[in-house]
Amino acid sequence: MMGRSWTHGDALWRPLRSKRIKFALHIATLMLFALPAAAQKPRAICTLQLTPLTLELRQGIPLPRTFSNPTANRVTFIITMRANALFGPLHELTRLSLAAKTGQQLSEPLVHPTGLRTPVGTARVIIDITTDRTGSEIIGQCDYQLTMRAPPGVLGKVPPLIPTVRSLNHLFQIPVRMCVLEGSTLAGGKKAGDVIPGGRSGT
């Protein structure tokens, strides 16, 4: 009785196992045929994950250095920075084109320049790479936890306590001539056009 029950159950499960195997093979076949199609997409290589990056003002943010276009058409790569606290709203940085079936490996990565007007501080900066052939699909990305610092001797918006020669290069000198109102205590009875002693202006 137990033997027949086992044999009967085994007979019931055998076609189910066969269907499962066929289904698994079908999925694997579909994935296998899908691989060449995925491999035909343009690619750009930058960072693989969130990457800490510290720069001084006037240094450049690294962009992708490797681009590939395995397609049969010319492709234009569009490099766009998402909105962030340091560089403002979403905006396009640059474009690069590759002929069909070609790639480009740069000895040094492209960079997005910064300047003395770039705010100092830290923010997450994400740069997406898309193409004119793949629409809004992101085919590469630079993902930075970016810290911007002022050059040595320049503390951003806070003036250094002890100015250095290098810090003075970032200062604009504007001549100022102090004036007082005629008839006021500081004027000391002087008329318009007269000169008063410099020490009086500080009292």
N, C-alpha and C. Protein backbone atom coordinates (compact mmCIF):
# COMPACT_ATOMS: atom_id res chain seq x y z
N MET A 1 0.85 -1.20 0.00
CA MET A 1 0.00 0.00 0.00
C MET A 1 0.87 1.24 0.00
N MET A 2 1.88 1.21 0.87
CA MET A 2 2.78 2.34 0.91
C MET A 2 3.57 2.42 -0.38
N GLY A 3 3.93 1.24 -0.92
CA GLY A 3 4.68 1.23 -2.17
C GLY A 3 3.87 1.81 -3.31
N ARG A 4 2.60 1.44 -3.41
CA ARG A 4 1.76 1.97 -4.48
C ARG A 4 1.55 3.46 -4.31
N SER A 5 1.35 3.89 -3.04
CA SER A 5 1.14 5.31 -2.79
C SER A 5 2.37 6.11 -3.22
N TRP A 6 3.55 5.61 -2.93
CA TRP A 6 4.79 6.30 -3.31
C TRP A 6 4.93 6.33 -4.82
N THR A 7 4.64 5.21 -5.46
CA THR A 7 4.74 5.13 -6.92
C THR A 7 3.74 6.06 -7.57
N HIS A 8 2.54 6.13 -7.03
CA HIS A 8 1.51 6.99 -7.58
C HIS A 8 1.89 8.47 -7.42
N GLY A 9 2.41 8.81 -6.21
CA GLY A 9 2.83 10.19 -5.98
C GLY A 9 3.98 10.58 -6.89
N ASP A 10 4.92 9.67 -7.08
CA ASP A 10 6.06 9.94 -7.94
C ASP A 10 5.60 10.17 -9.37
N ALA A 11 4.59 9.42 -9.78
CA ALA A 11 4.05 9.59 -11.13
C ALA A 11 3.37 10.93 -11.28
N LEU A 12 2.76 11.44 -10.21
CA LEU A 12 2.11 12.75 -10.26
C LEU A 12 3.12 13.87 -10.35
N TRP A 13 4.24 13.75 -9.60
CA TRP A 13 5.23 14.82 -9.56
C TRP A 13 6.15 14.83 -10.77
N ARG A 14 6.30 13.70 -11.46
CA ARG A 14 7.22 13.62 -12.58
C ARG A 14 6.89 14.63 -13.68
N PRO A 15 5.60 14.73 -14.13
CA PRO A 15 5.30 15.74 -15.17
C PRO A 15 5.46 17.17 -14.67
N LEU A 16 5.23 17.38 -13.34
CA LEU A 16 5.40 18.73 -12.79
C LEU A 16 6.86 19.13 -12.81
N ARG A 17 7.76 18.19 -12.43
CA ARG A 17 9.18 18.47 -12.47
C ARG A 17 9.64 18.73 -13.89
N SER A 18 9.08 17.97 -14.82
CA SER A 18 9.43 18.15 -16.23
C SER A 18 9.04 19.53 -16.71
N LYS A 19 7.84 20.00 -16.30
CA LYS A 19 7.38 21.34 -16.69
C LYS A 19 8.27 22.42 -16.07
N ARG A 20 8.68 22.18 -14.81
CA ARG A 20 9.56 23.16 -14.15
C ARG A 20 10.89 23.28 -14.87
N ILE A 21 11.44 22.14 -15.24
CA ILE A 21 12.73 22.15 -15.94
C ILE A 21 12.59 22.86 -17.28
N LYS A 22 11.51 22.56 -18.00
CA LYS A 22 11.30 23.20 -19.29
C LYS A 22 11.14 24.71 -19.13
N PHE A 23 10.41 25.12 -18.07
CA PHE A 23 10.20 26.54 -17.82
C PHE A 23 11.52 27.24 -17.50
N ALA A 24 12.34 26.58 -16.66
CA ALA A 24 13.64 27.15 -16.29
C ALA A 24 14.54 27.28 -17.52
N LEU A 25 14.54 26.26 -18.37
CA LEU A 25 15.34 26.32 -19.59
C LEU A 25 14.85 27.43 -20.51
N HIS A 26 13.53 27.62 -20.54
CA HIS A 26 12.95 28.67 -21.38
C HIS A 26 13.41 30.05 -20.91
N ILE A 27 13.38 30.26 -19.58
CA ILE A 27 13.83 31.55 -19.02
C ILE A 27 15.30 31.75 -19.30
N ALA A 28 16.11 30.70 -19.10
CA ALA A 28 17.55 30.81 -19.35
C ALA A 28 17.82 31.13 -20.81
N THR A 29 17.04 30.54 -21.72
CA THR A 29 17.21 30.81 -23.15
C THR A 29 16.89 32.25 -23.46
N LEU A 30 15.79 32.76 -22.86
CA LEU A 30 15.42 34.16 -23.09
C LEU A 30 16.51 35.09 -22.58
N MET A 31 17.07 34.78 -21.40
CA MET A 31 18.14 35.62 -20.86
C MET A 31 19.38 35.56 -21.75
N LEU A 32 19.67 34.39 -22.27
CA LEU A 32 20.84 34.24 -23.13
C LEU A 32 20.70 35.07 -24.39
N PHE A 33 19.49 35.06 -24.98
CA PHE A 33 19.26 35.85 -26.18
C PHE A 33 19.22 37.34 -25.86
N ALA A 34 18.89 37.69 -24.60
CA ALA A 34 18.82 39.11 -24.23
C ALA A 34 20.18 39.71 -23.99
N LEU A 35 21.19 38.90 -23.66
CA LEU A 35 22.52 39.41 -23.35
C LEU A 35 23.15 40.18 -24.50
N PRO A 36 23.13 39.68 -25.74
CA PRO A 36 23.75 40.45 -26.83
C PRO A 36 23.09 41.80 -27.01
N ALA A 37 21.77 41.88 -26.82
CA ALA A 37 21.07 43.15 -26.99
C ALA A 37 21.53 44.15 -25.94
N ALA A 38 21.67 43.68 -24.67
CA ALA A 38 22.10 44.58 -23.61
C ALA A 38 23.53 45.03 -23.85
N ALA A 39 24.36 44.11 -24.40
CA ALA A 39 25.76 44.44 -24.62
C ALA A 39 25.95 45.46 -25.73
N GLN A 40 24.91 45.65 -26.53
CA GLN A 40 25.01 46.57 -27.66
C GLN A 40 24.75 48.03 -27.25
N LYS A 41 24.43 48.26 -26.00
CA LYS A 41 24.14 49.63 -25.57
C LYS A 41 25.44 50.41 -25.34
N PRO A 42 25.43 51.72 -25.60
CA PRO A 42 26.59 52.55 -25.28
C PRO A 42 26.84 52.56 -23.78
N ARG A 43 28.09 52.72 -23.39
CA ARG A 43 28.44 52.74 -21.97
C ARG A 43 29.44 53.84 -21.69
N ALA A 44 29.40 54.35 -20.44
CA ALA A 44 30.39 55.31 -19.96
C ALA A 44 30.74 54.90 -18.53
N ILE A 45 32.03 54.84 -18.22
CA ILE A 45 32.47 54.37 -16.90
C ILE A 45 33.05 55.53 -16.10
N CYS A 46 32.52 55.71 -14.89
CA CYS A 46 33.02 56.77 -14.00
C CYS A 46 33.25 56.16 -12.62
N THR A 47 32.30 56.33 -11.69
CA THR A 47 32.43 55.72 -10.36
C THR A 47 31.51 54.51 -10.28
N LEU A 48 31.86 53.54 -9.45
CA LEU A 48 31.05 52.34 -9.27
C LEU A 48 30.09 52.48 -8.09
N GLN A 49 30.34 53.46 -7.21
CA GLN A 49 29.49 53.68 -6.04
C GLN A 49 29.74 55.10 -5.53
N LEU A 50 29.04 55.48 -4.46
CA LEU A 50 29.25 56.80 -3.86
C LEU A 50 30.71 56.93 -3.45
N THR A 51 31.39 57.95 -3.98
CA THR A 51 32.83 58.10 -3.80
C THR A 51 33.16 59.43 -3.12
N PRO A 52 33.85 59.42 -1.97
CA PRO A 52 34.28 60.69 -1.34
C PRO A 52 35.29 61.42 -2.23
N LEU A 53 35.14 62.73 -2.35
CA LEU A 53 36.05 63.52 -3.17
C LEU A 53 36.21 64.90 -2.54
N THR A 54 37.45 65.31 -2.30
CA THR A 54 37.75 66.63 -1.74
C THR A 54 38.57 67.42 -2.74
N LEU A 55 38.10 68.63 -3.08
CA LEU A 55 38.79 69.48 -4.04
C LEU A 55 38.96 70.88 -3.48
N GLU A 56 40.00 71.58 -3.96
CA GLU A 56 40.14 73.00 -3.68
C GLU A 56 39.48 73.78 -4.81
N LEU A 57 39.04 74.99 -4.51
CA LEU A 57 38.46 75.84 -5.54
C LEU A 57 39.45 75.97 -6.70
N ARG A 58 38.92 75.93 -7.92
CA ARG A 58 39.67 75.99 -9.18
C ARG A 58 40.19 74.61 -9.62
N GLN A 59 39.95 73.55 -8.81
CA GLN A 59 40.24 72.21 -9.28
C GLN A 59 38.99 71.65 -9.96
N GLY A 60 39.17 70.59 -10.79
CA GLY A 60 38.07 70.08 -11.58
C GLY A 60 37.47 68.80 -11.03
N ILE A 61 36.16 68.63 -11.24
CA ILE A 61 35.45 67.41 -10.84
C ILE A 61 35.62 66.38 -11.95
N PRO A 62 36.16 65.19 -11.65
CA PRO A 62 36.39 64.18 -12.69
C PRO A 62 35.09 63.69 -13.31
N LEU A 63 35.08 63.58 -14.63
CA LEU A 63 33.98 63.01 -15.40
C LEU A 63 34.45 61.66 -15.95
N PRO A 64 33.59 60.90 -16.65
CA PRO A 64 34.03 59.59 -17.16
C PRO A 64 35.26 59.70 -18.06
N ARG A 65 36.11 58.67 -17.99
CA ARG A 65 37.28 58.63 -18.86
C ARG A 65 37.15 57.54 -19.93
N THR A 66 36.15 56.64 -19.77
CA THR A 66 35.97 55.55 -20.72
C THR A 66 34.57 55.61 -21.33
N PHE A 67 34.52 55.63 -22.65
CA PHE A 67 33.26 55.64 -23.40
C PHE A 67 33.31 54.54 -24.45
N SER A 68 32.20 53.83 -24.65
CA SER A 68 32.15 52.81 -25.68
C SER A 68 30.84 52.89 -26.45
N ASN A 69 30.93 52.68 -27.77
CA ASN A 69 29.76 52.69 -28.63
C ASN A 69 29.79 51.47 -29.54
N PRO A 70 29.23 50.34 -29.06
CA PRO A 70 29.23 49.12 -29.87
C PRO A 70 28.11 49.08 -30.90
N THR A 71 27.28 50.14 -30.97
CA THR A 71 26.15 50.14 -31.89
C THR A 71 26.61 50.43 -33.31
N ALA A 72 25.66 50.32 -34.24
CA ALA A 72 25.95 50.57 -35.65
C ALA A 72 25.73 52.02 -36.04
N ASN A 73 25.47 52.88 -35.06
CA ASN A 73 25.20 54.29 -35.32
C ASN A 73 26.13 55.19 -34.51
N ARG A 74 26.33 56.39 -35.00
CA ARG A 74 27.08 57.39 -34.23
C ARG A 74 26.26 57.79 -33.01
N VAL A 75 26.92 57.91 -31.86
CA VAL A 75 26.24 58.20 -30.61
C VAL A 75 26.83 59.45 -29.96
N THR A 76 25.95 60.30 -29.44
CA THR A 76 26.39 61.47 -28.68
C THR A 76 26.09 61.24 -27.20
N PHE A 77 27.13 61.28 -26.37
CA PHE A 77 26.98 61.14 -24.92
C PHE A 77 26.68 62.51 -24.32
N ILE A 78 25.66 62.57 -23.48
CA ILE A 78 25.22 63.82 -22.85
C ILE A 78 25.49 63.72 -21.35
N ILE A 79 26.33 64.60 -20.83
CA ILE A 79 26.74 64.56 -19.43
C ILE A 79 26.04 65.69 -18.67
N THR A 80 25.22 65.30 -17.69
CA THR A 80 24.35 66.25 -16.98
C THR A 80 24.53 66.14 -15.48
N MET A 81 24.64 67.27 -14.80
CA MET A 81 24.75 67.29 -13.34
C MET A 81 23.36 67.51 -12.73
N ARG A 82 23.00 66.65 -11.78
CA ARG A 82 21.73 66.83 -11.07
C ARG A 82 21.81 68.05 -10.14
N ALA A 83 20.64 68.54 -9.75
CA ALA A 83 20.58 69.68 -8.83
C ALA A 83 21.26 69.32 -7.51
N ASN A 84 22.03 70.26 -6.96
CA ASN A 84 22.69 70.04 -5.67
C ASN A 84 22.99 71.39 -5.03
N ALA A 85 23.42 71.34 -3.77
CA ALA A 85 23.61 72.56 -2.99
C ALA A 85 24.80 73.40 -3.45
N LEU A 86 25.78 72.78 -4.11
CA LEU A 86 26.98 73.52 -4.50
C LEU A 86 26.88 74.15 -5.88
N PHE A 87 26.20 73.48 -6.81
CA PHE A 87 26.21 73.96 -8.19
C PHE A 87 24.82 74.31 -8.73
N GLY A 88 23.82 74.32 -7.85
CA GLY A 88 22.50 74.80 -8.26
C GLY A 88 21.66 73.76 -8.98
N PRO A 89 20.72 74.23 -9.84
CA PRO A 89 19.77 73.33 -10.48
C PRO A 89 20.41 72.41 -11.52
N LEU A 90 19.64 71.43 -11.95
CA LEU A 90 20.11 70.49 -12.98
C LEU A 90 20.58 71.24 -14.21
N HIS A 91 21.75 70.86 -14.76
CA HIS A 91 22.26 71.51 -15.95
C HIS A 91 23.22 70.60 -16.70
N GLU A 92 23.29 70.80 -18.00
CA GLU A 92 24.17 69.99 -18.85
C GLU A 92 25.60 70.52 -18.75
N LEU A 93 26.57 69.59 -18.65
CA LEU A 93 27.97 69.97 -18.54
C LEU A 93 28.67 69.97 -19.89
N THR A 94 28.53 68.88 -20.64
CA THR A 94 29.22 68.78 -21.93
C THR A 94 28.66 67.61 -22.72
N ARG A 95 29.11 67.49 -23.96
CA ARG A 95 28.72 66.38 -24.83
C ARG A 95 29.95 65.81 -25.52
N LEU A 96 29.88 64.53 -25.86
CA LEU A 96 30.98 63.87 -26.55
C LEU A 96 30.38 62.86 -27.53
N SER A 97 30.89 62.82 -28.76
CA SER A 97 30.35 61.92 -29.78
C SER A 97 31.36 60.84 -30.16
N LEU A 98 30.84 59.64 -30.44
CA LEU A 98 31.66 58.52 -30.88
C LEU A 98 31.05 57.91 -32.13
N ALA A 99 31.91 57.57 -33.08
CA ALA A 99 31.45 56.89 -34.28
C ALA A 99 30.99 55.47 -33.94
N ALA A 100 30.29 54.83 -34.86
CA ALA A 100 29.80 53.47 -34.65
C ALA A 100 30.96 52.50 -34.42
N LYS A 101 30.72 51.52 -33.55
CA LYS A 101 31.69 50.46 -33.27
C LYS A 101 33.05 50.99 -32.80
N THR A 102 33.03 52.03 -31.99
CA THR A 102 34.29 52.59 -31.49
C THR A 102 34.20 52.81 -29.98
N GLY A 103 35.36 53.05 -29.37
CA GLY A 103 35.43 53.38 -27.96
C GLY A 103 36.52 54.41 -27.73
N GLN A 104 36.53 55.00 -26.56
CA GLN A 104 37.54 56.01 -26.24
C GLN A 104 37.96 55.85 -24.80
N GLN A 105 39.25 55.68 -24.59
CA GLN A 105 39.84 55.59 -23.25
C GLN A 105 40.78 56.78 -23.08
N LEU A 106 40.41 57.73 -22.22
CA LEU A 106 41.20 58.93 -22.02
C LEU A 106 42.30 58.66 -21.01
N SER A 107 43.50 59.19 -21.26
CA SER A 107 44.61 59.02 -20.31
C SER A 107 44.30 59.74 -19.00
N GLU A 108 43.58 60.85 -19.10
CA GLU A 108 43.10 61.58 -17.92
C GLU A 108 41.63 61.90 -18.14
N PRO A 109 40.81 61.81 -17.09
CA PRO A 109 39.38 62.04 -17.28
C PRO A 109 39.08 63.50 -17.63
N LEU A 110 37.96 63.69 -18.32
CA LEU A 110 37.44 65.04 -18.49
C LEU A 110 37.11 65.59 -17.10
N VAL A 111 37.15 66.90 -16.94
CA VAL A 111 36.81 67.49 -15.65
C VAL A 111 35.84 68.65 -15.85
N HIS A 112 35.00 68.86 -14.83
CA HIS A 112 34.14 70.04 -14.79
C HIS A 112 34.82 71.05 -13.87
N PRO A 113 35.22 72.21 -14.40
CA PRO A 113 36.00 73.15 -13.58
C PRO A 113 35.18 73.80 -12.46
N THR A 114 35.87 74.17 -11.41
CA THR A 114 35.28 74.99 -10.35
C THR A 114 36.05 76.31 -10.31
N GLY A 115 35.51 77.29 -9.60
CA GLY A 115 36.17 78.60 -9.54
C GLY A 115 36.10 79.17 -8.15
N LEU A 116 36.62 80.39 -8.00
CA LEU A 116 36.63 81.03 -6.68
C LEU A 116 35.23 81.40 -6.22
N ARG A 117 34.28 81.42 -7.16
CA ARG A 117 32.90 81.71 -6.78
C ARG A 117 32.11 80.47 -6.42
N THR A 118 32.71 79.29 -6.59
CA THR A 118 32.04 78.05 -6.19
C THR A 118 31.93 78.01 -4.66
N PRO A 119 30.75 77.73 -4.12
CA PRO A 119 30.62 77.69 -2.65
C PRO A 119 31.50 76.60 -2.04
N VAL A 120 32.00 76.86 -0.84
CA VAL A 120 32.72 75.83 -0.10
C VAL A 120 31.71 75.07 0.74
N GLY A 121 32.04 73.81 1.03
CA GLY A 121 31.11 72.97 1.79
C GLY A 121 31.07 71.58 1.21
N THR A 122 30.11 70.78 1.69
CA THR A 122 29.99 69.39 1.27
C THR A 122 28.58 69.11 0.79
N ALA A 123 28.47 68.37 -0.32
CA ALA A 123 27.17 67.97 -0.86
C ALA A 123 27.34 66.74 -1.73
N ARG A 124 26.27 66.01 -1.91
CA ARG A 124 26.31 64.87 -2.84
C ARG A 124 26.11 65.41 -4.25
N VAL A 125 27.04 65.08 -5.13
CA VAL A 125 26.99 65.56 -6.51
C VAL A 125 26.90 64.35 -7.43
N ILE A 126 25.80 64.24 -8.17
CA ILE A 126 25.57 63.12 -9.08
C ILE A 126 25.57 63.63 -10.51
N ILE A 127 26.38 62.99 -11.35
CA ILE A 127 26.49 63.37 -12.75
C ILE A 127 26.03 62.17 -13.59
N ASP A 128 24.96 62.34 -14.36
CA ASP A 128 24.40 61.27 -15.17
C ASP A 128 24.89 61.36 -16.61
N ILE A 129 25.08 60.20 -17.22
CA ILE A 129 25.45 60.15 -18.64
C ILE A 129 24.33 59.45 -19.40
N THR A 130 23.76 60.11 -20.38
CA THR A 130 22.75 59.55 -21.26
C THR A 130 23.25 59.71 -22.70
N THR A 131 22.48 59.23 -23.67
CA THR A 131 22.86 59.41 -25.07
C THR A 131 21.65 59.80 -25.90
N ASP A 132 21.92 60.28 -27.10
CA ASP A 132 20.84 60.64 -28.00
C ASP A 132 20.14 59.41 -28.57
N ARG A 133 20.73 58.22 -28.38
CA ARG A 133 20.14 56.99 -28.91
C ARG A 133 19.33 56.22 -27.86
N THR A 134 19.65 56.46 -26.58
CA THR A 134 18.99 55.70 -25.51
C THR A 134 18.03 56.56 -24.68
N GLY A 135 17.81 57.80 -25.09
CA GLY A 135 16.85 58.65 -24.40
C GLY A 135 17.27 58.98 -22.98
N SER A 136 16.33 58.82 -22.04
CA SER A 136 16.59 59.20 -20.65
C SER A 136 17.27 58.08 -19.85
N GLU A 137 17.54 56.95 -20.46
CA GLU A 137 18.21 55.86 -19.75
C GLU A 137 19.63 56.27 -19.36
N ILE A 138 19.97 56.07 -18.08
CA ILE A 138 21.29 56.42 -17.59
C ILE A 138 22.24 55.27 -17.89
N ILE A 139 23.24 55.51 -18.75
CA ILE A 139 24.16 54.46 -19.16
C ILE A 139 25.52 54.58 -18.45
N GLY A 140 25.65 55.56 -17.58
CA GLY A 140 26.85 55.75 -16.78
C GLY A 140 26.60 56.83 -15.75
N GLN A 141 27.38 56.84 -14.68
CA GLN A 141 27.14 57.83 -13.61
C GLN A 141 28.39 58.08 -12.79
N CYS A 142 28.58 59.35 -12.41
CA CYS A 142 29.60 59.74 -11.43
C CYS A 142 28.85 60.14 -10.16
N ASP A 143 29.16 59.51 -9.06
CA ASP A 143 28.44 59.75 -7.81
C ASP A 143 29.46 60.13 -6.74
N TYR A 144 29.48 61.43 -6.36
CA TYR A 144 30.49 61.92 -5.43
C TYR A 144 29.86 62.50 -4.16
N GLN A 145 30.51 62.26 -3.03
CA GLN A 145 30.27 63.04 -1.82
C GLN A 145 31.35 64.10 -1.84
N LEU A 146 31.03 65.25 -2.41
CA LEU A 146 32.04 66.25 -2.75
C LEU A 146 32.19 67.30 -1.66
N THR A 147 33.45 67.54 -1.27
CA THR A 147 33.77 68.62 -0.34
C THR A 147 34.63 69.64 -1.07
N MET A 148 34.16 70.88 -1.14
CA MET A 148 34.91 71.96 -1.76
C MET A 148 35.56 72.80 -0.66
N ARG A 149 36.88 73.03 -0.82
CA ARG A 149 37.63 73.83 0.15
C ARG A 149 38.28 75.02 -0.54
N ALA A 150 38.46 76.09 0.21
CA ALA A 150 39.18 77.24 -0.33
C ALA A 150 40.67 76.92 -0.39
N PRO A 151 41.42 77.61 -1.26
CA PRO A 151 42.87 77.39 -1.32
C PRO A 151 43.51 77.71 0.03
N PRO A 152 44.71 77.20 0.29
CA PRO A 152 45.41 77.49 1.56
C PRO A 152 45.53 78.99 1.80
N GLY A 153 45.19 79.41 3.01
CA GLY A 153 45.26 80.82 3.35
C GLY A 153 43.99 81.58 3.07
N VAL A 154 43.03 80.93 2.40
CA VAL A 154 41.73 81.58 2.13
C VAL A 154 40.65 80.71 2.73
N LEU A 155 39.95 81.23 3.73
CA LEU A 155 38.97 80.43 4.46
C LEU A 155 37.55 80.70 3.97
N GLY A 156 37.37 80.69 2.67
CA GLY A 156 36.04 80.91 2.13
C GLY A 156 35.54 82.30 2.47
N LYS A 157 34.37 82.37 3.10
CA LYS A 157 33.78 83.66 3.44
C LYS A 157 34.34 84.24 4.73
N VAL A 158 35.16 83.47 5.45
CA VAL A 158 35.73 83.93 6.71
C VAL A 158 37.16 84.39 6.45
N PRO A 159 37.51 85.67 6.68
CA PRO A 159 38.87 86.15 6.40
C PRO A 159 39.88 85.50 7.33
N PRO A 160 41.07 85.18 6.84
CA PRO A 160 42.10 84.59 7.71
C PRO A 160 42.54 85.56 8.78
N LEU A 161 42.88 85.04 9.96
CA LEU A 161 43.33 85.89 11.05
C LEU A 161 44.69 86.51 10.74
N ILE A 162 45.55 85.74 10.07
CA ILE A 162 46.87 86.25 9.69
C ILE A 162 46.98 86.16 8.16
N PRO A 163 46.82 87.27 7.44
CA PRO A 163 46.88 87.22 5.98
C PRO A 163 48.24 86.72 5.50
N THR A 164 48.21 85.93 4.43
CA THR A 164 49.44 85.45 3.80
C THR A 164 49.55 86.05 2.42
N VAL A 165 50.74 85.92 1.81
CA VAL A 165 50.93 86.45 0.46
C VAL A 165 49.94 85.82 -0.51
N ARG A 166 49.73 84.49 -0.35
CA ARG A 166 48.80 83.81 -1.26
C ARG A 166 47.36 84.26 -1.03
N SER A 167 46.98 84.48 0.24
CA SER A 167 45.61 84.90 0.50
C SER A 167 45.36 86.30 -0.02
N LEU A 168 46.38 87.18 0.00
CA LEU A 168 46.21 88.54 -0.49
C LEU A 168 45.96 88.57 -1.99
N ASN A 169 46.36 87.51 -2.70
CA ASN A 169 46.11 87.46 -4.14
C ASN A 169 44.63 87.38 -4.46
N HIS A 170 43.81 86.99 -3.47
CA HIS A 170 42.38 86.84 -3.69
C HIS A 170 41.59 88.05 -3.19
N LEU A 171 42.29 89.13 -2.81
CA LEU A 171 41.62 90.32 -2.29
C LEU A 171 41.64 91.45 -3.31
N PHE A 172 40.57 92.21 -3.34
CA PHE A 172 40.50 93.41 -4.17
C PHE A 172 40.68 94.63 -3.27
N GLN A 173 41.63 95.50 -3.61
CA GLN A 173 41.88 96.69 -2.81
C GLN A 173 41.18 97.89 -3.43
N ILE A 174 40.32 98.54 -2.65
CA ILE A 174 39.56 99.69 -3.12
C ILE A 174 39.93 100.90 -2.25
N PRO A 175 40.50 101.96 -2.85
CA PRO A 175 40.84 103.16 -2.05
C PRO A 175 39.57 103.79 -1.46
N VAL A 176 39.66 104.19 -0.19
CA VAL A 176 38.51 104.81 0.49
C VAL A 176 38.96 106.15 1.08
N ARG A 177 38.18 107.22 0.81
CA ARG A 177 38.45 108.54 1.39
C ARG A 177 37.34 108.86 2.37
N MET A 178 37.70 108.98 3.64
CA MET A 178 36.70 109.25 4.67
C MET A 178 36.24 110.71 4.60
N CYS A 179 34.96 110.93 4.78
CA CYS A 179 34.38 112.28 4.76
C CYS A 179 33.55 112.49 6.02
N VAL A 180 33.43 113.75 6.42
CA VAL A 180 32.56 114.10 7.55
C VAL A 180 31.60 115.18 7.12
N LEU A 181 30.53 115.33 7.87
CA LEU A 181 29.49 116.31 7.53
C LEU A 181 29.86 117.67 8.13
N GLU A 182 29.82 118.70 7.25
CA GLU A 182 30.12 120.06 7.72
C GLU A 182 29.16 120.46 8.84
N GLY A 183 29.73 121.03 9.89
CA GLY A 183 28.93 121.44 11.04
C GLY A 183 28.85 120.40 12.13
N SER A 184 29.34 119.16 11.82
CA SER A 184 29.30 118.10 12.82
C SER A 184 30.47 118.23 13.77
N THR A 185 30.44 117.48 14.87
CA THR A 185 31.52 117.51 15.84
C THR A 185 32.85 117.09 15.23
N LEU A 186 32.80 116.05 14.35
CA LEU A 186 34.03 115.58 13.71
C LEU A 186 34.63 116.62 12.78
N ALA A 187 33.78 117.48 12.19
CA ALA A 187 34.30 118.51 11.26
C ALA A 187 35.16 119.52 12.01
N GLY A 188 34.91 119.72 13.28
CA GLY A 188 35.74 120.61 14.08
C GLY A 188 35.77 122.03 13.54
N GLY A 189 34.66 122.53 12.97
CA GLY A 189 34.59 123.89 12.46
C GLY A 189 35.16 124.04 11.07
N LYS A 190 35.63 122.99 10.46
CA LYS A 190 36.19 123.07 9.11
C LYS A 190 35.07 123.25 8.10
N LYS A 191 35.41 123.89 6.96
CA LYS A 191 34.46 124.10 5.87
C LYS A 191 34.63 123.01 4.81
N ALA A 192 33.67 122.94 3.90
CA ALA A 192 33.73 121.98 2.81
C ALA A 192 35.00 122.16 2.01
N GLY A 193 35.71 121.08 1.74
CA GLY A 193 36.96 121.13 1.00
C GLY A 193 38.17 121.16 1.89
N ASP A 194 38.00 121.50 3.18
CA ASP A 194 39.12 121.48 4.12
C ASP A 194 39.47 120.04 4.51
N VAL A 195 40.65 119.89 5.05
CA VAL A 195 41.11 118.58 5.51
C VAL A 195 41.23 118.61 7.02
N ILE A 196 40.72 117.56 7.66
CA ILE A 196 40.82 117.47 9.11
C ILE A 196 41.88 116.41 9.45
N PRO A 197 42.49 116.49 10.64
CA PRO A 197 43.48 115.49 11.05
C PRO A 197 42.88 114.09 11.06
N GLY A 198 43.65 113.10 10.65
CA GLY A 198 43.16 111.75 10.56
C GLY A 198 42.72 111.18 11.89
N GLY A 199 43.37 111.59 12.95
CA GLY A 199 43.02 111.05 14.26
C GLY A 199 41.64 111.42 14.71
N ARG A 200 41.11 112.52 14.20
CA ARG A 200 39.79 112.95 14.63
C ARG A 200 38.69 112.04 14.10
N SER A 201 38.93 111.38 12.95
CA SER A 201 37.87 110.57 12.36
C SER A 201 37.59 109.32 13.21
N GLY A 202 38.51 108.97 14.08
CA GLY A 202 38.29 107.77 14.88
C GLY A 202 37.67 108.07 16.22
N THR A 203 37.38 109.35 16.54
CA THR A 203 36.83 109.68 17.84
C THR A 203 35.34 109.83 17.75
